[in-house]
């Protein structure tokens, strides 16, 4: 039986949603809910990994934006 790589799907979804709402800087940062992420608190480790890998940045008010090299 094959199980899809849920964390990879979640990672791509976060990147795609932040791109769609043009969250490319601190001024345009969005919460995951604002970006349209279903269950924004699900898979917290995926979000933490994206931050650690510097793909996204988290602001002081829990908003996120894509780093320049992923635009």
N, C-alpha and C. Protein backbone atom coordinates (compact mmCIF):
# COMPACT_ATOMS: atom_id res chain seq x y z
N UNK A 1 0.84 -1.18 0.00
CA UNK A 1 0.00 0.00 0.00
C UNK A 1 0.90 1.25 0.00
N UNK A 2 0.54 2.24 -0.81
CA UNK A 2 1.33 3.46 -0.95
C UNK A 2 0.64 4.62 -0.23
N UNK A 3 1.39 5.34 0.58
CA UNK A 3 0.88 6.53 1.25
C UNK A 3 1.58 7.75 0.66
N UNK A 4 0.83 8.75 0.21
CA UNK A 4 1.46 9.94 -0.38
C UNK A 4 2.31 10.67 0.67
N UNK A 5 3.34 11.30 0.21
CA UNK A 5 4.22 12.03 1.13
C UNK A 5 3.55 13.31 1.62
N UNK A 6 2.73 13.17 2.64
CA UNK A 6 1.93 14.28 3.14
C UNK A 6 2.77 15.51 3.48
N UNK A 7 3.91 15.38 4.16
CA UNK A 7 4.70 16.59 4.45
C UNK A 7 5.14 17.33 3.19
N UNK A 8 5.50 16.60 2.15
CA UNK A 8 5.91 17.24 0.89
C UNK A 8 4.73 17.97 0.24
N UNK A 9 3.57 17.35 0.29
CA UNK A 9 2.37 17.98 -0.25
C UNK A 9 2.06 19.26 0.53
N UNK A 10 2.18 19.20 1.84
CA UNK A 10 1.92 20.36 2.70
C UNK A 10 2.92 21.49 2.40
N UNK A 11 4.18 21.13 2.24
CA UNK A 11 5.22 22.12 1.92
C UNK A 11 4.89 22.84 0.62
N UNK A 12 4.55 22.09 -0.40
CA UNK A 12 4.22 22.69 -1.70
C UNK A 12 2.97 23.56 -1.61
N UNK A 13 2.00 23.13 -0.80
CA UNK A 13 0.77 23.89 -0.63
C UNK A 13 1.07 25.25 0.02
N UNK A 14 1.87 25.26 1.06
CA UNK A 14 2.22 26.52 1.74
C UNK A 14 2.92 27.46 0.77
N UNK A 15 3.88 26.96 0.04
CA UNK A 15 4.61 27.80 -0.92
C UNK A 15 3.67 28.33 -2.00
N UNK A 16 2.81 27.47 -2.52
CA UNK A 16 1.87 27.87 -3.57
C UNK A 16 0.88 28.92 -3.07
N UNK A 17 0.35 28.75 -1.87
CA UNK A 17 -0.62 29.69 -1.32
C UNK A 17 0.02 31.04 -1.01
N UNK A 18 1.22 31.04 -0.44
CA UNK A 18 1.90 32.31 -0.16
C UNK A 18 2.25 33.03 -1.46
N UNK A 19 2.60 32.28 -2.48
CA UNK A 19 2.88 32.87 -3.79
C UNK A 19 1.60 33.48 -4.37
N UNK A 20 0.51 32.77 -4.29
CA UNK A 20 -0.76 33.24 -4.85
C UNK A 20 -1.24 34.54 -4.22
N UNK A 21 -0.98 34.71 -2.93
CA UNK A 21 -1.42 35.95 -2.28
C UNK A 21 -0.29 36.98 -2.19
N UNK A 22 0.78 36.74 -2.95
CA UNK A 22 1.90 37.67 -3.08
C UNK A 22 2.53 38.07 -1.74
N UNK A 23 2.71 37.09 -0.88
CA UNK A 23 3.37 37.31 0.41
C UNK A 23 4.88 37.19 0.21
N UNK A 24 5.49 38.29 -0.25
CA UNK A 24 6.90 38.28 -0.60
C UNK A 24 7.76 39.18 0.30
N UNK A 25 7.14 39.85 1.25
CA UNK A 25 7.90 40.74 2.14
C UNK A 25 7.17 40.85 3.47
N UNK A 26 7.82 41.49 4.42
CA UNK A 26 7.21 41.67 5.73
C UNK A 26 5.93 42.50 5.63
N UNK A 27 5.89 43.41 4.66
CA UNK A 27 4.71 44.26 4.48
C UNK A 27 3.53 43.50 3.90
N UNK A 28 3.80 42.47 3.12
CA UNK A 28 2.72 41.70 2.48
C UNK A 28 2.52 40.33 3.11
N UNK A 29 3.19 40.08 4.24
CA UNK A 29 3.10 38.78 4.92
C UNK A 29 1.66 38.47 5.31
N UNK A 30 1.34 37.20 5.33
CA UNK A 30 -0.01 36.72 5.66
C UNK A 30 0.07 35.62 6.70
N UNK A 31 -0.99 35.49 7.49
CA UNK A 31 -1.08 34.31 8.35
C UNK A 31 -1.38 33.14 7.42
N UNK A 32 -1.16 31.94 7.89
CA UNK A 32 -1.46 30.78 7.06
C UNK A 32 -2.96 30.72 6.76
N UNK A 33 -3.78 31.13 7.72
CA UNK A 33 -5.22 31.15 7.49
C UNK A 33 -5.58 32.16 6.41
N UNK A 34 -4.99 33.36 6.47
CA UNK A 34 -5.24 34.38 5.46
C UNK A 34 -4.81 33.91 4.07
N UNK A 35 -3.75 33.10 4.04
CA UNK A 35 -3.25 32.58 2.77
C UNK A 35 -4.12 31.47 2.21
N UNK A 36 -5.06 30.98 3.01
CA UNK A 36 -5.97 29.95 2.54
C UNK A 36 -5.54 28.54 2.88
N UNK A 37 -4.67 28.40 3.86
CA UNK A 37 -4.21 27.07 4.28
C UNK A 37 -5.28 26.46 5.18
N UNK A 38 -5.78 25.31 4.80
CA UNK A 38 -6.74 24.58 5.62
C UNK A 38 -6.02 24.01 6.82
N UNK A 39 -6.60 24.16 7.99
CA UNK A 39 -6.01 23.68 9.23
C UNK A 39 -4.57 24.20 9.38
N UNK A 40 -4.43 25.52 9.55
CA UNK A 40 -3.08 26.11 9.61
C UNK A 40 -2.20 25.58 10.74
N UNK A 41 -2.79 24.99 11.77
CA UNK A 41 -1.99 24.45 12.87
C UNK A 41 -1.59 23.00 12.65
N UNK A 42 -2.09 22.40 11.58
CA UNK A 42 -1.70 21.03 11.27
C UNK A 42 -0.30 21.00 10.67
N UNK A 43 0.40 19.95 10.93
CA UNK A 43 1.75 19.75 10.38
C UNK A 43 2.69 20.91 10.75
N UNK A 44 2.71 21.28 12.02
CA UNK A 44 3.57 22.38 12.48
C UNK A 44 5.04 22.13 12.16
N UNK A 45 5.43 20.87 12.16
CA UNK A 45 6.84 20.56 11.86
C UNK A 45 7.21 20.93 10.43
N UNK A 46 6.25 20.84 9.51
CA UNK A 46 6.52 21.23 8.13
C UNK A 46 6.79 22.73 8.07
N UNK A 47 5.96 23.50 8.76
CA UNK A 47 6.14 24.96 8.79
C UNK A 47 7.48 25.30 9.44
N UNK A 48 7.81 24.66 10.54
CA UNK A 48 9.09 24.91 11.21
C UNK A 48 10.27 24.58 10.30
N UNK A 49 10.14 23.50 9.53
CA UNK A 49 11.22 23.12 8.62
C UNK A 49 11.38 24.15 7.50
N UNK A 50 10.27 24.68 6.98
CA UNK A 50 10.34 25.73 5.96
C UNK A 50 11.05 26.97 6.50
N UNK A 51 10.80 27.29 7.75
CA UNK A 51 11.47 28.44 8.38
C UNK A 51 12.95 28.14 8.55
N UNK A 52 13.26 26.95 9.06
CA UNK A 52 14.66 26.56 9.28
C UNK A 52 15.46 26.54 7.98
N UNK A 53 14.81 26.10 6.89
CA UNK A 53 15.47 26.05 5.58
C UNK A 53 15.48 27.41 4.88
N UNK A 54 14.92 28.42 5.55
CA UNK A 54 14.86 29.79 5.04
C UNK A 54 14.08 29.91 3.73
N UNK A 55 13.07 29.07 3.60
CA UNK A 55 12.17 29.16 2.46
C UNK A 55 11.11 30.21 2.75
N UNK A 56 10.62 30.19 4.00
CA UNK A 56 9.69 31.22 4.45
C UNK A 56 10.25 31.88 5.71
N UNK A 57 9.74 33.06 6.00
CA UNK A 57 10.12 33.78 7.21
C UNK A 57 8.87 34.07 8.01
N UNK A 58 8.98 33.94 9.33
CA UNK A 58 7.86 34.22 10.23
C UNK A 58 8.09 35.58 10.86
N UNK A 59 7.05 36.41 10.87
CA UNK A 59 7.15 37.74 11.48
C UNK A 59 6.79 37.65 12.96
N UNK A 60 6.99 38.75 13.66
CA UNK A 60 6.70 38.79 15.10
C UNK A 60 5.21 38.61 15.40
N UNK A 61 4.35 38.89 14.43
CA UNK A 61 2.91 38.74 14.63
C UNK A 61 2.35 37.49 13.95
N UNK A 62 3.18 36.46 13.83
CA UNK A 62 2.80 35.14 13.30
C UNK A 62 2.28 35.17 11.87
N UNK A 63 2.88 36.01 11.06
CA UNK A 63 2.60 36.02 9.63
C UNK A 63 3.82 35.47 8.91
N UNK A 64 3.64 35.05 7.67
CA UNK A 64 4.70 34.41 6.91
C UNK A 64 4.83 35.03 5.53
N UNK A 65 6.06 35.00 5.01
CA UNK A 65 6.28 35.40 3.62
C UNK A 65 7.41 34.58 3.05
N UNK A 66 7.40 34.47 1.72
CA UNK A 66 8.44 33.71 1.02
C UNK A 66 9.71 34.53 0.93
N UNK A 67 10.83 33.89 1.08
CA UNK A 67 12.10 34.56 0.91
C UNK A 67 12.38 34.79 -0.58
N UNK A 68 13.17 35.78 -0.88
CA UNK A 68 13.39 36.26 -2.25
C UNK A 68 13.82 35.16 -3.22
N UNK A 69 14.62 34.21 -2.80
CA UNK A 69 15.11 33.21 -3.75
C UNK A 69 14.03 32.21 -4.18
N UNK A 70 12.86 32.24 -3.54
CA UNK A 70 11.77 31.33 -3.90
C UNK A 70 10.65 32.03 -4.63
N UNK A 71 10.85 33.28 -4.99
CA UNK A 71 9.82 34.05 -5.71
C UNK A 71 9.91 33.73 -7.17
